[in-house]
Amino acid sequence: MNYLQRKNRYITNVNIAFFVLPLVLLPLGVEYLLSLEKNQFFLKYQENILLANIVYIVLARFALLDSAVYIFSHTKHPTHLALIQIVLLYLEITVITIVYYAIVFDIFDVFTLFHLSAALAPENLANIHKHAFVTSVYISAVTFTTLGSGDWLPQTLNAMIASTSEVLLGVVQGGVFVAIVIYAHQSKKSHV
């Protein structure tokens, strides 16, 4: 039996998927609390924890995309409503991924992981430092979409690995999304 043909998936319904997907963010809550308390374990192993976060989101994302493809491929006749549902599901997966990486960047101090290469006025730079999470969301969104404006450069090996994994997830998701839209269009033509 082919891996993609297997029937045992955790998420098999689009309505359930919308509620289950945000649970991917739950493990970061514990890490966030540990980082706020300057927990000794967290401080000692933060490089390993950051790497584990990257592995976790990559595996979780592939499972989510696998479930999304399964849900869509088992729709009897892809209708406009089914296509809208899958688009919304992909949008949710995108937002969750961007937020996940932003939280990780914020937990591990975005200004330690990344360096701003743009020349800014001191008051603008101070304002950016006051809003570390917003900066993390910006870096994550620019990285995921592969826009890569070049103003934030990774400073550590783990930041480079995180950026690379986020780019790969964005590219793969974009490709899978286009494939699903093409499949839906072809399937619609064959049922007419």
N, C-alpha and C. Protein backbone atom coordinates (compact mmCIF):
# COMPACT_ATOMS: atom_id res chain seq x y z
N MET A 1 0.84 -1.18 0.00
CA MET A 1 0.00 0.00 0.00
C MET A 1 0.89 1.25 0.00
N ASN A 2 0.54 2.18 -0.81
CA ASN A 2 1.24 3.44 -0.93
C ASN A 2 0.98 4.29 0.32
N TYR A 3 1.99 5.05 0.75
CA TYR A 3 1.87 5.91 1.94
C TYR A 3 0.68 6.86 1.81
N LEU A 4 0.51 7.46 0.66
CA LEU A 4 -0.56 8.44 0.48
C LEU A 4 -1.94 7.79 0.41
N GLN A 5 -2.00 6.49 0.16
CA GLN A 5 -3.29 5.80 0.06
C GLN A 5 -3.78 5.28 1.41
N ARG A 6 -3.00 5.40 2.45
CA ARG A 6 -3.40 4.87 3.74
C ARG A 6 -4.64 5.60 4.26
N LYS A 7 -5.41 4.91 5.05
CA LYS A 7 -6.68 5.46 5.54
C LYS A 7 -6.56 6.06 6.94
N ASN A 8 -5.56 5.65 7.71
CA ASN A 8 -5.49 6.10 9.10
C ASN A 8 -4.77 7.44 9.22
N ARG A 9 -5.55 8.48 9.23
CA ARG A 9 -5.05 9.83 9.44
C ARG A 9 -5.76 10.38 10.67
N TYR A 10 -5.09 11.31 11.34
CA TYR A 10 -5.68 11.87 12.55
C TYR A 10 -6.79 12.87 12.23
N ILE A 11 -6.60 13.62 11.17
CA ILE A 11 -7.59 14.63 10.79
C ILE A 11 -8.14 14.23 9.43
N THR A 12 -9.43 13.90 9.38
CA THR A 12 -10.04 13.46 8.12
C THR A 12 -11.24 14.29 7.72
N ASN A 13 -11.53 15.33 8.48
CA ASN A 13 -12.70 16.15 8.22
C ASN A 13 -12.29 17.62 8.28
N VAL A 14 -12.70 18.39 7.29
CA VAL A 14 -12.30 19.80 7.23
C VAL A 14 -12.85 20.59 8.41
N ASN A 15 -14.04 20.25 8.88
CA ASN A 15 -14.61 20.99 10.01
C ASN A 15 -13.81 20.75 11.29
N ILE A 16 -13.32 19.54 11.47
CA ILE A 16 -12.49 19.23 12.64
C ILE A 16 -11.12 19.91 12.49
N ALA A 17 -10.60 19.91 11.27
CA ALA A 17 -9.27 20.46 11.02
C ALA A 17 -9.16 21.92 11.46
N PHE A 18 -10.18 22.71 11.21
CA PHE A 18 -10.13 24.12 11.57
C PHE A 18 -9.94 24.33 13.07
N PHE A 19 -10.45 23.40 13.88
CA PHE A 19 -10.34 23.52 15.33
C PHE A 19 -9.10 22.85 15.89
N VAL A 20 -8.62 21.82 15.22
CA VAL A 20 -7.47 21.06 15.70
C VAL A 20 -6.15 21.76 15.37
N LEU A 21 -6.07 22.41 14.24
CA LEU A 21 -4.81 22.99 13.78
C LEU A 21 -4.14 23.95 14.77
N PRO A 22 -4.89 24.84 15.43
CA PRO A 22 -4.22 25.73 16.38
C PRO A 22 -3.55 25.02 17.56
N LEU A 23 -3.90 23.77 17.80
CA LEU A 23 -3.28 23.02 18.89
C LEU A 23 -1.78 22.81 18.66
N VAL A 24 -1.34 22.98 17.41
CA VAL A 24 0.09 22.87 17.08
C VAL A 24 0.90 23.89 17.91
N LEU A 25 0.27 24.99 18.27
CA LEU A 25 0.97 26.06 18.99
C LEU A 25 1.11 25.79 20.49
N LEU A 26 0.37 24.83 21.03
CA LEU A 26 0.35 24.59 22.49
C LEU A 26 1.72 24.35 23.13
N PRO A 27 2.60 23.53 22.54
CA PRO A 27 3.89 23.29 23.20
C PRO A 27 4.71 24.56 23.43
N LEU A 28 4.47 25.57 22.63
CA LEU A 28 5.22 26.81 22.81
C LEU A 28 4.82 27.57 24.06
N GLY A 29 3.62 27.31 24.57
CA GLY A 29 3.17 27.98 25.78
C GLY A 29 4.07 27.66 26.97
N VAL A 30 4.42 26.40 27.12
CA VAL A 30 5.32 25.98 28.20
C VAL A 30 6.69 26.64 28.02
N GLU A 31 7.20 26.60 26.80
CA GLU A 31 8.50 27.21 26.54
C GLU A 31 8.49 28.71 26.82
N TYR A 32 7.40 29.35 26.45
CA TYR A 32 7.31 30.79 26.68
C TYR A 32 7.37 31.09 28.18
N LEU A 33 6.65 30.31 28.97
CA LEU A 33 6.68 30.51 30.42
C LEU A 33 8.07 30.24 30.99
N LEU A 34 8.72 29.19 30.51
CA LEU A 34 10.09 28.88 30.96
C LEU A 34 11.05 30.00 30.59
N SER A 35 10.87 30.57 29.40
CA SER A 35 11.77 31.64 28.98
C SER A 35 11.56 32.90 29.81
N LEU A 36 10.33 33.17 30.20
CA LEU A 36 10.04 34.35 31.03
C LEU A 36 10.67 34.22 32.42
N GLU A 37 10.65 33.00 32.95
CA GLU A 37 11.19 32.75 34.29
C GLU A 37 12.70 32.60 34.28
N LYS A 38 13.31 32.63 33.10
CA LYS A 38 14.77 32.41 32.97
C LYS A 38 15.15 31.08 33.63
N ASN A 39 14.34 30.06 33.36
CA ASN A 39 14.54 28.72 33.90
C ASN A 39 15.92 28.20 33.51
N GLN A 40 16.63 27.60 34.47
CA GLN A 40 18.00 27.12 34.23
C GLN A 40 18.06 26.05 33.15
N PHE A 41 17.10 25.13 33.17
CA PHE A 41 17.06 24.08 32.15
C PHE A 41 16.91 24.72 30.77
N PHE A 42 15.99 25.67 30.67
CA PHE A 42 15.74 26.34 29.39
C PHE A 42 17.00 27.07 28.93
N LEU A 43 17.63 27.80 29.83
CA LEU A 43 18.83 28.55 29.47
C LEU A 43 19.97 27.63 29.04
N LYS A 44 20.11 26.49 29.75
CA LYS A 44 21.19 25.57 29.45
C LYS A 44 21.01 24.89 28.10
N TYR A 45 19.77 24.54 27.76
CA TYR A 45 19.50 23.75 26.55
C TYR A 45 18.77 24.54 25.47
N GLN A 46 18.82 25.85 25.50
CA GLN A 46 18.01 26.61 24.57
C GLN A 46 18.36 26.37 23.09
N GLU A 47 19.62 26.12 22.78
CA GLU A 47 19.99 25.81 21.39
C GLU A 47 19.33 24.51 20.94
N ASN A 48 19.36 23.51 21.81
CA ASN A 48 18.73 22.22 21.48
C ASN A 48 17.21 22.35 21.42
N ILE A 49 16.63 23.14 22.30
CA ILE A 49 15.18 23.35 22.30
C ILE A 49 14.76 24.05 21.02
N LEU A 50 15.54 25.04 20.59
CA LEU A 50 15.23 25.74 19.34
C LEU A 50 15.27 24.78 18.16
N LEU A 51 16.27 23.94 18.12
CA LEU A 51 16.37 22.95 17.04
C LEU A 51 15.20 21.96 17.10
N ALA A 52 14.82 21.55 18.30
CA ALA A 52 13.67 20.65 18.46
C ALA A 52 12.38 21.31 17.97
N ASN A 53 12.24 22.61 18.21
CA ASN A 53 11.07 23.36 17.72
C ASN A 53 11.00 23.32 16.20
N ILE A 54 12.15 23.45 15.56
CA ILE A 54 12.19 23.45 14.10
C ILE A 54 11.78 22.08 13.57
N VAL A 55 12.33 21.02 14.16
CA VAL A 55 11.98 19.66 13.73
C VAL A 55 10.49 19.42 13.96
N TYR A 56 9.99 19.85 15.11
CA TYR A 56 8.57 19.66 15.45
C TYR A 56 7.66 20.32 14.42
N ILE A 57 7.91 21.58 14.08
CA ILE A 57 7.00 22.27 13.17
C ILE A 57 7.10 21.69 11.77
N VAL A 58 8.27 21.27 11.34
CA VAL A 58 8.39 20.66 10.02
C VAL A 58 7.56 19.37 9.96
N LEU A 59 7.70 18.52 10.97
CA LEU A 59 6.93 17.27 10.99
C LEU A 59 5.43 17.55 11.12
N ALA A 60 5.07 18.48 11.99
CA ALA A 60 3.66 18.82 12.17
C ALA A 60 3.07 19.39 10.89
N ARG A 61 3.83 20.24 10.21
CA ARG A 61 3.35 20.84 8.96
C ARG A 61 3.13 19.80 7.88
N PHE A 62 4.03 18.85 7.75
CA PHE A 62 3.83 17.81 6.74
C PHE A 62 2.61 16.97 7.08
N ALA A 63 2.39 16.70 8.35
CA ALA A 63 1.19 15.96 8.76
C ALA A 63 -0.07 16.78 8.45
N LEU A 64 -0.03 18.09 8.69
CA LEU A 64 -1.17 18.95 8.40
C LEU A 64 -1.45 19.02 6.91
N LEU A 65 -0.39 19.19 6.12
CA LEU A 65 -0.58 19.24 4.66
C LEU A 65 -1.08 17.90 4.14
N ASP A 66 -0.56 16.80 4.69
CA ASP A 66 -1.02 15.48 4.30
C ASP A 66 -2.51 15.34 4.58
N SER A 67 -2.94 15.80 5.74
CA SER A 67 -4.35 15.74 6.10
C SER A 67 -5.19 16.61 5.18
N ALA A 68 -4.70 17.80 4.86
CA ALA A 68 -5.44 18.70 3.98
C ALA A 68 -5.61 18.09 2.58
N VAL A 69 -4.54 17.51 2.06
CA VAL A 69 -4.62 16.86 0.75
C VAL A 69 -5.58 15.68 0.81
N TYR A 70 -5.51 14.90 1.88
CA TYR A 70 -6.41 13.75 2.04
C TYR A 70 -7.87 14.22 2.07
N ILE A 71 -8.15 15.24 2.85
CA ILE A 71 -9.52 15.75 2.97
C ILE A 71 -10.02 16.18 1.59
N PHE A 72 -9.20 16.93 0.90
CA PHE A 72 -9.63 17.44 -0.40
C PHE A 72 -9.77 16.31 -1.42
N SER A 73 -8.85 15.37 -1.43
CA SER A 73 -8.88 14.30 -2.43
C SER A 73 -10.05 13.34 -2.19
N HIS A 74 -10.61 13.32 -1.00
CA HIS A 74 -11.73 12.45 -0.71
C HIS A 74 -13.07 13.17 -0.78
N THR A 75 -13.05 14.37 -1.31
CA THR A 75 -14.30 15.08 -1.58
C THR A 75 -14.83 14.51 -2.89
N LYS A 76 -16.07 14.02 -2.88
CA LYS A 76 -16.61 13.34 -4.06
C LYS A 76 -16.53 14.20 -5.31
N HIS A 77 -17.08 15.37 -5.26
CA HIS A 77 -17.05 16.29 -6.41
C HIS A 77 -16.62 17.65 -5.88
N PRO A 78 -15.36 18.01 -6.11
CA PRO A 78 -14.89 19.30 -5.59
C PRO A 78 -15.77 20.45 -6.09
N THR A 79 -16.47 21.06 -5.18
CA THR A 79 -17.33 22.19 -5.52
C THR A 79 -16.63 23.47 -5.12
N HIS A 80 -17.28 24.57 -5.43
CA HIS A 80 -16.72 25.85 -5.03
C HIS A 80 -16.60 25.93 -3.51
N LEU A 81 -17.59 25.39 -2.82
CA LEU A 81 -17.55 25.40 -1.35
C LEU A 81 -16.39 24.58 -0.83
N ALA A 82 -16.16 23.40 -1.42
CA ALA A 82 -15.03 22.56 -0.99
C ALA A 82 -13.71 23.27 -1.27
N LEU A 83 -13.63 23.92 -2.41
CA LEU A 83 -12.40 24.65 -2.75
C LEU A 83 -12.18 25.82 -1.79
N ILE A 84 -13.24 26.51 -1.44
CA ILE A 84 -13.14 27.62 -0.48
C ILE A 84 -12.69 27.07 0.88
N GLN A 85 -13.24 25.93 1.28
CA GLN A 85 -12.83 25.33 2.55
C GLN A 85 -11.35 24.97 2.55
N ILE A 86 -10.86 24.41 1.47
CA ILE A 86 -9.46 24.02 1.42
C ILE A 86 -8.57 25.26 1.38
N VAL A 87 -9.01 26.31 0.70
CA VAL A 87 -8.25 27.57 0.69
C VAL A 87 -8.17 28.13 2.11
N LEU A 88 -9.28 28.12 2.82
CA LEU A 88 -9.29 28.61 4.20
C LEU A 88 -8.43 27.74 5.11
N LEU A 89 -8.45 26.44 4.87
CA LEU A 89 -7.61 25.53 5.64
C LEU A 89 -6.13 25.83 5.38
N TYR A 90 -5.77 26.05 4.14
CA TYR A 90 -4.39 26.40 3.81
C TYR A 90 -4.01 27.75 4.39
N LEU A 91 -4.93 28.69 4.37
CA LEU A 91 -4.68 29.99 4.99
C LEU A 91 -4.42 29.82 6.48
N GLU A 92 -5.21 28.97 7.13
CA GLU A 92 -5.01 28.73 8.55
C GLU A 92 -3.66 28.08 8.81
N ILE A 93 -3.28 27.10 7.99
CA ILE A 93 -1.98 26.46 8.14
C ILE A 93 -0.86 27.48 7.96
N THR A 94 -1.03 28.39 7.00
CA THR A 94 -0.03 29.44 6.76
C THR A 94 0.10 30.36 7.97
N VAL A 95 -1.02 30.82 8.47
CA VAL A 95 -1.01 31.74 9.62
C VAL A 95 -0.41 31.04 10.84
N ILE A 96 -0.79 29.79 11.08
CA ILE A 96 -0.25 29.06 12.22
C ILE A 96 1.26 28.91 12.09
N THR A 97 1.73 28.61 10.90
CA THR A 97 3.17 28.45 10.69
C THR A 97 3.91 29.75 10.94
N ILE A 98 3.40 30.84 10.40
CA ILE A 98 4.04 32.15 10.59
C ILE A 98 4.03 32.52 12.07
N VAL A 99 2.92 32.32 12.74
CA VAL A 99 2.82 32.63 14.17
C VAL A 99 3.74 31.71 14.97
N TYR A 100 3.80 30.44 14.61
CA TYR A 100 4.68 29.49 15.31
C TYR A 100 6.13 29.99 15.27
N TYR A 101 6.62 30.26 14.07
CA TYR A 101 8.00 30.73 13.95
C TYR A 101 8.18 32.08 14.66
N ALA A 102 7.19 32.95 14.59
CA ALA A 102 7.29 34.25 15.28
C ALA A 102 7.41 34.05 16.79
N ILE A 103 6.63 33.13 17.34
CA ILE A 103 6.72 32.86 18.78
C ILE A 103 8.09 32.29 19.12
N VAL A 104 8.56 31.36 18.29
CA VAL A 104 9.89 30.78 18.53
C VAL A 104 10.95 31.88 18.47
N PHE A 105 10.89 32.73 17.47
CA PHE A 105 11.87 33.82 17.35
C PHE A 105 11.79 34.75 18.57
N ASP A 106 10.57 35.01 19.04
CA ASP A 106 10.39 35.88 20.20
C ASP A 106 10.92 35.22 21.47
N ILE A 107 10.63 33.93 21.66
CA ILE A 107 11.10 33.21 22.84
C ILE A 107 12.63 33.24 22.92
N PHE A 108 13.27 33.04 21.79
CA PHE A 108 14.73 32.94 21.75
C PHE A 108 15.39 34.28 21.41
N ASP A 109 14.68 35.36 21.62
CA ASP A 109 15.14 36.74 21.42
C ASP A 109 15.50 37.01 19.96
N VAL A 110 14.52 37.55 19.28
CA VAL A 110 14.64 37.83 17.86
C VAL A 110 15.88 38.69 17.55
N PHE A 111 16.28 39.54 18.49
CA PHE A 111 17.43 40.43 18.24
C PHE A 111 18.77 39.73 18.47
N THR A 112 18.73 38.54 19.08
CA THR A 112 19.93 37.71 19.17
C THR A 112 20.02 36.80 17.95
N LEU A 113 18.87 36.32 17.50
CA LEU A 113 18.83 35.42 16.35
C LEU A 113 19.09 36.14 15.03
N PHE A 114 18.59 37.38 14.93
CA PHE A 114 18.67 38.13 13.67
C PHE A 114 19.30 39.50 13.90
N HIS A 115 19.95 39.98 12.86
CA HIS A 115 20.57 41.30 12.89
C HIS A 115 19.92 42.16 11.81
N LEU A 116 19.55 43.38 12.19
CA LEU A 116 18.97 44.32 11.25
C LEU A 116 20.09 44.98 10.46
N SER A 117 20.07 44.79 9.16
CA SER A 117 21.14 45.33 8.33
C SER A 117 20.80 46.70 7.74
N ALA A 118 19.58 47.16 7.94
CA ALA A 118 19.16 48.45 7.41
C ALA A 118 19.59 49.57 8.36
N ALA A 119 19.91 50.71 7.78
CA ALA A 119 20.26 51.89 8.58
C ALA A 119 18.97 52.64 8.91
N LEU A 120 18.66 52.72 10.21
CA LEU A 120 17.45 53.39 10.65
C LEU A 120 17.79 54.51 11.61
N ALA A 121 16.89 55.45 11.71
CA ALA A 121 17.04 56.51 12.70
C ALA A 121 16.95 55.88 14.09
N PRO A 122 17.69 56.42 15.08
CA PRO A 122 17.69 55.83 16.43
C PRO A 122 16.30 55.66 17.03
N GLU A 123 15.40 56.61 16.81
CA GLU A 123 14.05 56.48 17.38
C GLU A 123 13.27 55.34 16.72
N ASN A 124 13.50 55.10 15.42
CA ASN A 124 12.85 53.99 14.76
C ASN A 124 13.41 52.65 15.25
N LEU A 125 14.70 52.60 15.43
CA LEU A 125 15.34 51.38 15.93
C LEU A 125 14.86 51.07 17.35
N ALA A 126 14.75 52.10 18.18
CA ALA A 126 14.24 51.91 19.55
C ALA A 126 12.80 51.42 19.52
N ASN A 127 12.01 51.93 18.60
CA ASN A 127 10.62 51.50 18.47
C ASN A 127 10.53 50.03 18.05
N ILE A 128 11.41 49.62 17.16
CA ILE A 128 11.43 48.22 16.72
C ILE A 128 11.77 47.32 17.91
N HIS A 129 12.73 47.73 18.73
CA HIS A 129 13.12 46.92 19.89
C HIS A 129 12.01 46.84 20.94
N LYS A 130 11.13 47.81 20.98
CA LYS A 130 10.00 47.77 21.91
C LYS A 130 8.95 46.75 21.47
N HIS A 131 8.95 46.43 20.20
CA HIS A 131 7.92 45.55 19.64
C HIS A 131 8.56 44.29 19.06
N ALA A 132 9.18 43.51 19.92
CA ALA A 132 9.91 42.31 19.49
C ALA A 132 8.99 41.29 18.82
N PHE A 133 7.77 41.11 19.34
CA PHE A 133 6.90 40.10 18.74
C PHE A 133 6.45 40.53 17.35
N VAL A 134 6.12 41.79 17.18
CA VAL A 134 5.72 42.28 15.86
C VAL A 134 6.89 42.12 14.88
N THR A 135 8.09 42.39 15.36
CA THR A 135 9.28 42.19 14.53
C THR A 135 9.43 40.72 14.17
N SER A 136 9.17 39.84 15.13
CA SER A 136 9.24 38.40 14.88
C SER A 136 8.22 37.96 13.83
N VAL A 137 7.01 38.50 13.92
CA VAL A 137 5.97 38.17 12.93
C VAL A 137 6.40 38.66 11.55
N TYR A 138 6.96 39.85 11.49
CA TYR A 138 7.43 40.40 10.21
C TYR A 138 8.51 39.50 9.60
N ILE A 139 9.50 39.14 10.40
CA ILE A 139 10.59 38.29 9.89
C ILE A 139 10.03 36.95 9.43
N SER A 140 9.13 36.38 10.21
CA SER A 140 8.54 35.09 9.86
C SER A 140 7.74 35.18 8.57
N ALA A 141 6.91 36.21 8.43
CA ALA A 141 6.08 36.35 7.23
C ALA A 141 6.94 36.56 5.99
N VAL A 142 7.96 37.39 6.10
CA VAL A 142 8.85 37.65 4.97
C VAL A 142 9.62 36.39 4.60
N THR A 143 10.00 35.61 5.58
CA THR A 143 10.74 34.38 5.33
C THR A 143 9.83 33.32 4.72
N PHE A 144 8.65 33.10 5.31
CA PHE A 144 7.73 32.06 4.84
C PHE A 144 7.31 32.30 3.40
N THR A 145 7.03 33.54 3.08
CA THR A 145 6.57 33.87 1.73
C THR A 145 7.73 33.96 0.74
N THR A 146 8.94 33.76 1.21
CA THR A 146 10.18 33.84 0.44
C THR A 146 10.36 35.22 -0.19
N LEU A 147 9.71 36.20 0.39
CA LEU A 147 9.89 37.58 -0.06
C LEU A 147 11.33 38.01 0.21
N GLY A 148 11.81 37.71 1.39
CA GLY A 148 13.21 37.94 1.74
C GLY A 148 13.71 39.33 1.43
N SER A 149 13.23 40.30 2.16
CA SER A 149 13.62 41.68 1.88
C SER A 149 15.09 41.95 2.19
N GLY A 150 15.73 41.08 2.94
CA GLY A 150 17.16 41.21 3.20
C GLY A 150 17.54 42.15 4.31
N ASP A 151 16.57 42.71 5.01
CA ASP A 151 16.91 43.64 6.08
C ASP A 151 17.24 42.93 7.40
N TRP A 152 16.77 41.70 7.57
CA TRP A 152 17.08 40.92 8.78
C TRP A 152 17.90 39.71 8.38
N LEU A 153 19.08 39.58 8.96
CA LEU A 153 20.00 38.49 8.63
C LEU A 153 20.15 37.55 9.82
N PRO A 154 20.07 36.24 9.59
CA PRO A 154 20.28 35.29 10.69
C PRO A 154 21.68 35.43 11.28
N GLN A 155 21.77 35.39 12.61
CA GLN A 155 23.05 35.56 13.30
C GLN A 155 23.62 34.27 13.86
N THR A 156 22.78 33.24 14.01
CA THR A 156 23.24 31.98 14.60
C THR A 156 22.93 30.85 13.63
N LEU A 157 23.59 29.73 13.85
CA LEU A 157 23.35 28.56 13.01
C LEU A 157 21.89 28.13 13.12
N ASN A 158 21.33 28.11 14.32
CA ASN A 158 19.93 27.71 14.48
C ASN A 158 18.97 28.70 13.81
N ALA A 159 19.31 29.98 13.82
CA ALA A 159 18.48 30.96 13.11
C ALA A 159 18.52 30.69 11.61
N MET A 160 19.69 30.30 11.11
CA MET A 160 19.81 29.95 9.69
C MET A 160 18.99 28.70 9.37
N ILE A 161 19.05 27.71 10.25
CA ILE A 161 18.28 26.48 10.05
C ILE A 161 16.78 26.79 10.11
N ALA A 162 16.38 27.61 11.07
CA ALA A 162 14.97 27.99 11.20
C ALA A 162 14.49 28.72 9.95
N SER A 163 15.28 29.66 9.47
CA SER A 163 14.91 30.41 8.27
C SER A 163 14.80 29.49 7.06
N THR A 164 15.76 28.60 6.92
CA THR A 164 15.75 27.68 5.79
C THR A 164 14.53 26.76 5.85
N SER A 165 14.24 26.24 7.03
CA SER A 165 13.09 25.34 7.16
C SER A 165 11.78 26.08 6.88
N GLU A 166 11.70 27.33 7.31
CA GLU A 166 10.48 28.10 7.07
C GLU A 166 10.32 28.39 5.58
N VAL A 167 11.40 28.70 4.89
CA VAL A 167 11.34 28.92 3.44
C VAL A 167 10.88 27.65 2.74
N LEU A 168 11.47 26.51 3.12
CA LEU A 168 11.09 25.24 2.49
C LEU A 168 9.62 24.92 2.72
N LEU A 169 9.13 25.17 3.93
CA LEU A 169 7.72 24.92 4.21
C LEU A 169 6.83 25.83 3.36
N GLY A 170 7.23 27.07 3.20
CA GLY A 170 6.46 28.00 2.36
C GLY A 170 6.42 27.57 0.91
N VAL A 171 7.56 27.16 0.39
CA VAL A 171 7.63 26.73 -1.01
C VAL A 171 6.82 25.46 -1.23
N VAL A 172 6.97 24.49 -0.33
CA VAL A 172 6.21 23.23 -0.46
C VAL A 172 4.72 23.51 -0.36
N GLN A 173 4.32 24.33 0.59
CA GLN A 173 2.90 24.62 0.73
C GLN A 173 2.36 25.31 -0.50
N GLY A 174 3.12 26.24 -1.05
CA GLY A 174 2.68 26.91 -2.27
C GLY A 174 2.51 25.93 -3.42
N GLY A 175 3.45 25.01 -3.56
CA GLY A 175 3.36 24.01 -4.63
C GLY A 175 2.18 23.08 -4.45
N VAL A 176 1.96 22.63 -3.24
CA VAL A 176 0.83 21.73 -2.97
C VAL A 176 -0.49 22.47 -3.20
N PHE A 177 -0.55 23.72 -2.81
CA PHE A 177 -1.76 24.51 -3.01
C PHE A 177 -2.09 24.64 -4.49
N VAL A 178 -1.08 24.96 -5.30
CA VAL A 178 -1.29 25.08 -6.75
C VAL A 178 -1.74 23.74 -7.33
N ALA A 179 -1.13 22.65 -6.88
CA ALA A 179 -1.51 21.32 -7.36
C ALA A 179 -2.97 21.01 -7.02
N ILE A 180 -3.41 21.38 -5.84
CA ILE A 180 -4.80 21.12 -5.44
C ILE A 180 -5.76 21.95 -6.28
N VAL A 181 -5.42 23.19 -6.54
CA VAL A 181 -6.29 24.04 -7.36
C VAL A 181 -6.39 23.47 -8.77
N ILE A 182 -5.26 23.03 -9.33
CA ILE A 182 -5.28 22.43 -10.67
C ILE A 182 -6.11 21.15 -10.66
N TYR A 183 -5.92 20.31 -9.64
CA TYR A 183 -6.68 19.07 -9.52
C TYR A 183 -8.18 19.37 -9.44
N ALA A 184 -8.54 20.37 -8.65
CA ALA A 184 -9.95 20.72 -8.50
C ALA A 184 -10.53 21.19 -9.83
N HIS A 185 -9.76 21.97 -10.56
CA HIS A 185 -10.22 22.47 -11.85
C HIS A 185 -10.39 21.32 -12.84
N GLN A 186 -9.43 20.40 -12.89
CA GLN A 186 -9.52 19.26 -13.80
C GLN A 186 -10.64 18.32 -13.40
N SER A 187 -10.81 18.11 -12.11
CA SER A 187 -11.85 17.24 -11.62
C SER A 187 -13.24 17.82 -11.94
N LYS A 188 -13.35 19.13 -11.82
CA LYS A 188 -14.61 19.81 -12.12
C LYS A 188 -14.96 19.64 -13.60
N LYS A 189 -13.94 19.75 -14.48
CA LYS A 189 -14.17 19.58 -15.92
C LYS A 189 -14.61 18.16 -16.25
N SER A 190 -14.03 17.17 -15.56
CA SER A 190 -14.36 15.78 -15.87
C SER A 190 -15.75 15.38 -15.40
N HIS A 191 -16.34 16.13 -14.45
CA HIS A 191 -17.67 15.83 -13.95
C HIS A 191 -18.75 16.64 -14.64
N VAL A 192 -18.35 17.47 -15.60
CA VAL A 192 -19.35 18.30 -16.30
C VAL A 192 -19.93 17.55 -17.47
